[in-house]
Amino acid sequence: MANVTTYTIEGEWSGHCSYQQRVVYREFTTDKKFAESVRKLGWIECYDGTRLELRVIAGRHGKEMSGYNSLIRKCLSQGTNRAVEVPY
């Protein structure tokens, strides 16, 4: 059996002030191509001008946190990192 790597994808919200920064999204995937696409995307500018900074880490880290799955995938499919450029 082949050794499959699990990747942790984390999104840290920039907040409106530095004290609001926190991890708000985390998912695990074994899809290397998807993980690399997220790594290249790097960040998403949210509707209110804040950012969701994305990072990819090899291995499982922390607990899964949902909420941005759809937005991340829509941005990847549209080739943009600006939420205002993707359909709801």
N, C-alpha and C. Protein backbone atom coordinates (compact mmCIF):
# COMPACT_ATOMS: atom_id res chain seq x y z
N MET A 1 0.84 -1.18 0.00
CA MET A 1 0.00 0.00 0.00
C MET A 1 0.89 1.25 0.00
N ALA A 2 0.53 2.20 -0.82
CA ALA A 2 1.31 3.43 -0.94
C ALA A 2 1.12 4.31 0.29
N ASN A 3 2.18 5.04 0.63
CA ASN A 3 2.12 5.98 1.74
C ASN A 3 1.41 7.24 1.27
N VAL A 4 0.27 7.56 1.89
CA VAL A 4 -0.53 8.71 1.50
C VAL A 4 -0.30 9.84 2.50
N THR A 5 0.04 11.01 2.00
CA THR A 5 0.25 12.18 2.86
C THR A 5 -1.06 12.90 3.07
N THR A 6 -1.32 13.26 4.30
CA THR A 6 -2.47 14.11 4.62
C THR A 6 -1.96 15.53 4.79
N TYR A 7 -2.70 16.47 4.24
CA TYR A 7 -2.35 17.89 4.34
C TYR A 7 -3.40 18.61 5.17
N THR A 8 -2.96 19.54 5.99
CA THR A 8 -3.85 20.41 6.73
C THR A 8 -3.89 21.74 5.99
N ILE A 9 -5.11 22.20 5.68
CA ILE A 9 -5.29 23.51 5.06
C ILE A 9 -5.91 24.41 6.12
N GLU A 10 -5.23 25.49 6.45
CA GLU A 10 -5.70 26.41 7.47
C GLU A 10 -5.96 27.78 6.86
N GLY A 11 -6.98 28.43 7.36
CA GLY A 11 -7.28 29.80 6.98
C GLY A 11 -7.29 30.67 8.22
N GLU A 12 -6.45 31.69 8.22
CA GLU A 12 -6.39 32.63 9.34
C GLU A 12 -6.99 33.96 8.90
N TRP A 13 -8.04 34.37 9.58
CA TRP A 13 -8.71 35.63 9.26
C TRP A 13 -7.88 36.78 9.79
N SER A 14 -7.69 37.80 8.96
CA SER A 14 -6.86 38.94 9.35
C SER A 14 -7.56 39.84 10.36
N GLY A 15 -8.88 39.84 10.34
CA GLY A 15 -9.62 40.73 11.23
C GLY A 15 -9.51 42.17 10.77
N HIS A 16 -10.25 43.03 11.44
CA HIS A 16 -10.18 44.46 11.14
C HIS A 16 -9.05 45.12 11.94
N CYS A 17 -8.64 44.48 13.03
CA CYS A 17 -7.53 44.92 13.89
C CYS A 17 -6.68 43.69 14.18
N SER A 18 -5.41 43.89 14.45
CA SER A 18 -4.51 42.75 14.65
C SER A 18 -4.95 41.82 15.77
N TYR A 19 -5.60 42.34 16.81
CA TYR A 19 -6.01 41.47 17.91
C TYR A 19 -7.16 40.54 17.52
N GLN A 20 -7.77 40.75 16.35
CA GLN A 20 -8.85 39.88 15.89
C GLN A 20 -8.34 38.69 15.08
N GLN A 21 -7.07 38.66 14.74
CA GLN A 21 -6.51 37.57 13.94
C GLN A 21 -6.70 36.24 14.63
N ARG A 22 -7.19 35.26 13.87
CA ARG A 22 -7.35 33.92 14.42
C ARG A 22 -7.62 32.92 13.31
N VAL A 23 -7.32 31.66 13.58
CA VAL A 23 -7.61 30.58 12.63
C VAL A 23 -9.11 30.33 12.68
N VAL A 24 -9.74 30.42 11.51
CA VAL A 24 -11.20 30.24 11.43
C VAL A 24 -11.58 29.08 10.52
N TYR A 25 -10.59 28.46 9.89
CA TYR A 25 -10.88 27.37 8.94
C TYR A 25 -9.75 26.36 8.99
N ARG A 26 -10.14 25.08 8.97
CA ARG A 26 -9.14 24.02 8.90
C ARG A 26 -9.79 22.79 8.28
N GLU A 27 -9.14 22.23 7.30
CA GLU A 27 -9.61 20.97 6.71
C GLU A 27 -8.43 20.08 6.41
N PHE A 28 -8.70 18.80 6.29
CA PHE A 28 -7.67 17.82 5.98
C PHE A 28 -7.97 17.22 4.62
N THR A 29 -6.92 17.00 3.85
CA THR A 29 -7.08 16.40 2.53
C THR A 29 -5.87 15.53 2.20
N THR A 30 -6.10 14.53 1.38
CA THR A 30 -5.00 13.71 0.85
C THR A 30 -4.78 14.04 -0.63
N ASP A 31 -5.54 15.00 -1.14
CA ASP A 31 -5.45 15.41 -2.54
C ASP A 31 -4.30 16.42 -2.69
N LYS A 32 -3.16 15.92 -3.13
CA LYS A 32 -1.96 16.76 -3.26
C LYS A 32 -2.17 17.92 -4.24
N LYS A 33 -2.86 17.65 -5.34
CA LYS A 33 -3.11 18.69 -6.34
C LYS A 33 -3.96 19.82 -5.75
N PHE A 34 -4.99 19.47 -4.99
CA PHE A 34 -5.83 20.47 -4.33
C PHE A 34 -5.01 21.27 -3.32
N ALA A 35 -4.23 20.57 -2.50
CA ALA A 35 -3.40 21.24 -1.50
C ALA A 35 -2.44 22.23 -2.16
N GLU A 36 -1.83 21.83 -3.26
CA GLU A 36 -0.90 22.71 -3.96
C GLU A 36 -1.62 23.92 -4.58
N SER A 37 -2.83 23.71 -5.07
CA SER A 37 -3.62 24.82 -5.62
C SER A 37 -3.95 25.84 -4.53
N VAL A 38 -4.29 25.36 -3.35
CA VAL A 38 -4.58 26.26 -2.22
C VAL A 38 -3.31 27.00 -1.82
N ARG A 39 -2.19 26.29 -1.79
CA ARG A 39 -0.90 26.93 -1.45
C ARG A 39 -0.59 28.07 -2.43
N LYS A 40 -0.83 27.83 -3.71
CA LYS A 40 -0.57 28.85 -4.73
C LYS A 40 -1.55 30.03 -4.61
N LEU A 41 -2.80 29.74 -4.25
CA LEU A 41 -3.79 30.80 -4.07
C LEU A 41 -3.34 31.75 -2.96
N GLY A 42 -2.90 31.19 -1.84
CA GLY A 42 -2.26 31.97 -0.79
C GLY A 42 -3.17 32.74 0.17
N TRP A 43 -4.16 33.41 -0.35
CA TRP A 43 -5.07 34.20 0.47
C TRP A 43 -6.31 34.53 -0.33
N ILE A 44 -7.37 34.90 0.39
CA ILE A 44 -8.61 35.34 -0.24
C ILE A 44 -8.99 36.67 0.39
N GLU A 45 -9.26 37.65 -0.44
CA GLU A 45 -9.77 38.93 0.06
C GLU A 45 -11.28 38.77 0.25
N CYS A 46 -11.74 38.96 1.48
CA CYS A 46 -13.15 38.80 1.81
C CYS A 46 -13.96 40.01 1.37
N TYR A 47 -15.27 39.88 1.43
CA TYR A 47 -16.17 40.94 0.98
C TYR A 47 -15.96 42.25 1.73
N ASP A 48 -15.56 42.17 2.99
CA ASP A 48 -15.40 43.37 3.81
C ASP A 48 -13.98 43.94 3.78
N GLY A 49 -13.13 43.40 2.89
CA GLY A 49 -11.77 43.91 2.76
C GLY A 49 -10.75 43.20 3.64
N THR A 50 -11.21 42.35 4.56
CA THR A 50 -10.27 41.56 5.36
C THR A 50 -9.76 40.40 4.52
N ARG A 51 -8.79 39.67 5.05
CA ARG A 51 -8.21 38.56 4.30
C ARG A 51 -8.29 37.25 5.06
N LEU A 52 -8.39 36.19 4.29
CA LEU A 52 -8.26 34.84 4.81
C LEU A 52 -6.92 34.34 4.28
N GLU A 53 -5.91 34.32 5.15
CA GLU A 53 -4.58 33.85 4.77
C GLU A 53 -4.59 32.32 4.80
N LEU A 54 -4.20 31.70 3.70
CA LEU A 54 -4.24 30.25 3.59
C LEU A 54 -2.85 29.66 3.70
N ARG A 55 -2.74 28.56 4.43
CA ARG A 55 -1.46 27.85 4.49
C ARG A 55 -1.74 26.36 4.45
N VAL A 56 -0.78 25.65 3.91
CA VAL A 56 -0.87 24.20 3.78
C VAL A 56 0.29 23.59 4.54
N ILE A 57 -0.03 22.64 5.42
CA ILE A 57 0.96 21.99 6.26
C ILE A 57 0.86 20.48 6.05
N ALA A 58 1.98 19.81 5.86
CA ALA A 58 1.95 18.36 5.74
C ALA A 58 1.60 17.75 7.09
N GLY A 59 0.68 16.81 7.10
CA GLY A 59 0.24 16.15 8.33
C GLY A 59 -1.07 16.72 8.83
N ARG A 60 -1.61 16.07 9.84
CA ARG A 60 -2.86 16.52 10.48
C ARG A 60 -2.52 17.38 11.67
N HIS A 61 -3.06 18.58 11.71
CA HIS A 61 -2.79 19.50 12.81
C HIS A 61 -4.10 20.13 13.27
N GLY A 62 -4.44 19.96 14.53
CA GLY A 62 -5.65 20.58 15.08
C GLY A 62 -6.93 19.87 14.70
N LYS A 63 -8.04 20.53 14.99
CA LYS A 63 -9.38 20.01 14.69
C LYS A 63 -9.91 20.67 13.44
N GLU A 64 -10.71 19.91 12.67
CA GLU A 64 -11.33 20.48 11.49
C GLU A 64 -12.30 21.59 11.89
N MET A 65 -12.30 22.65 11.09
CA MET A 65 -13.21 23.79 11.29
C MET A 65 -13.76 24.15 9.91
N SER A 66 -15.06 24.06 9.74
CA SER A 66 -15.64 24.34 8.43
C SER A 66 -16.11 25.78 8.33
N GLY A 67 -16.58 26.15 7.17
CA GLY A 67 -17.13 27.48 6.98
C GLY A 67 -16.66 28.17 5.72
N TYR A 68 -15.49 27.81 5.22
CA TYR A 68 -14.97 28.47 4.03
C TYR A 68 -14.73 27.49 2.88
N ASN A 69 -15.17 26.24 3.04
CA ASN A 69 -14.97 25.22 2.01
C ASN A 69 -15.42 25.70 0.64
N SER A 70 -16.66 26.17 0.58
CA SER A 70 -17.25 26.59 -0.68
C SER A 70 -16.52 27.78 -1.29
N LEU A 71 -16.22 28.79 -0.48
CA LEU A 71 -15.53 29.98 -0.99
C LEU A 71 -14.16 29.63 -1.55
N ILE A 72 -13.41 28.81 -0.85
CA ILE A 72 -12.07 28.43 -1.33
C ILE A 72 -12.18 27.72 -2.67
N ARG A 73 -13.10 26.79 -2.78
CA ARG A 73 -13.26 26.04 -4.03
C ARG A 73 -13.77 26.92 -5.18
N LYS A 74 -14.66 27.84 -4.87
CA LYS A 74 -15.14 28.77 -5.90
C LYS A 74 -14.00 29.67 -6.39
N CYS A 75 -13.20 30.17 -5.48
CA CYS A 75 -12.06 31.01 -5.88
C CYS A 75 -11.09 30.22 -6.75
N LEU A 76 -10.82 28.98 -6.38
CA LEU A 76 -9.92 28.14 -7.18
C LEU A 76 -10.51 27.91 -8.57
N SER A 77 -11.80 27.60 -8.65
CA SER A 77 -12.41 27.31 -9.96
C SER A 77 -12.50 28.55 -10.84
N GLN A 78 -12.62 29.74 -10.22
CA GLN A 78 -12.70 30.99 -10.98
C GLN A 78 -11.32 31.61 -11.24
N GLY A 79 -10.29 31.06 -10.59
CA GLY A 79 -8.94 31.58 -10.79
C GLY A 79 -8.72 32.96 -10.17
N THR A 80 -9.35 33.20 -9.03
CA THR A 80 -9.22 34.51 -8.38
C THR A 80 -9.06 34.33 -6.87
N ASN A 81 -8.50 35.32 -6.22
CA ASN A 81 -8.45 35.28 -4.76
C ASN A 81 -9.27 36.43 -4.16
N ARG A 82 -10.23 36.92 -4.91
CA ARG A 82 -11.13 37.98 -4.42
C ARG A 82 -12.56 37.45 -4.38
N ALA A 83 -13.11 37.41 -3.18
CA ALA A 83 -14.45 36.86 -2.98
C ALA A 83 -15.50 37.57 -3.82
N VAL A 84 -15.33 38.86 -4.06
CA VAL A 84 -16.33 39.61 -4.84
C VAL A 84 -16.39 39.17 -6.29
N GLU A 85 -15.40 38.42 -6.75
CA GLU A 85 -15.37 37.98 -8.14
C GLU A 85 -15.97 36.59 -8.35
N VAL A 86 -16.49 35.98 -7.28
CA VAL A 86 -17.09 34.65 -7.44
C VAL A 86 -18.58 34.73 -7.12
N PRO A 87 -19.39 33.92 -7.81
CA PRO A 87 -20.84 33.94 -7.54
C PRO A 87 -21.14 33.33 -6.18
N TYR A 88 -22.22 33.80 -5.57
CA TYR A 88 -22.64 33.27 -4.27
C TYR A 88 -22.95 31.83 -4.38
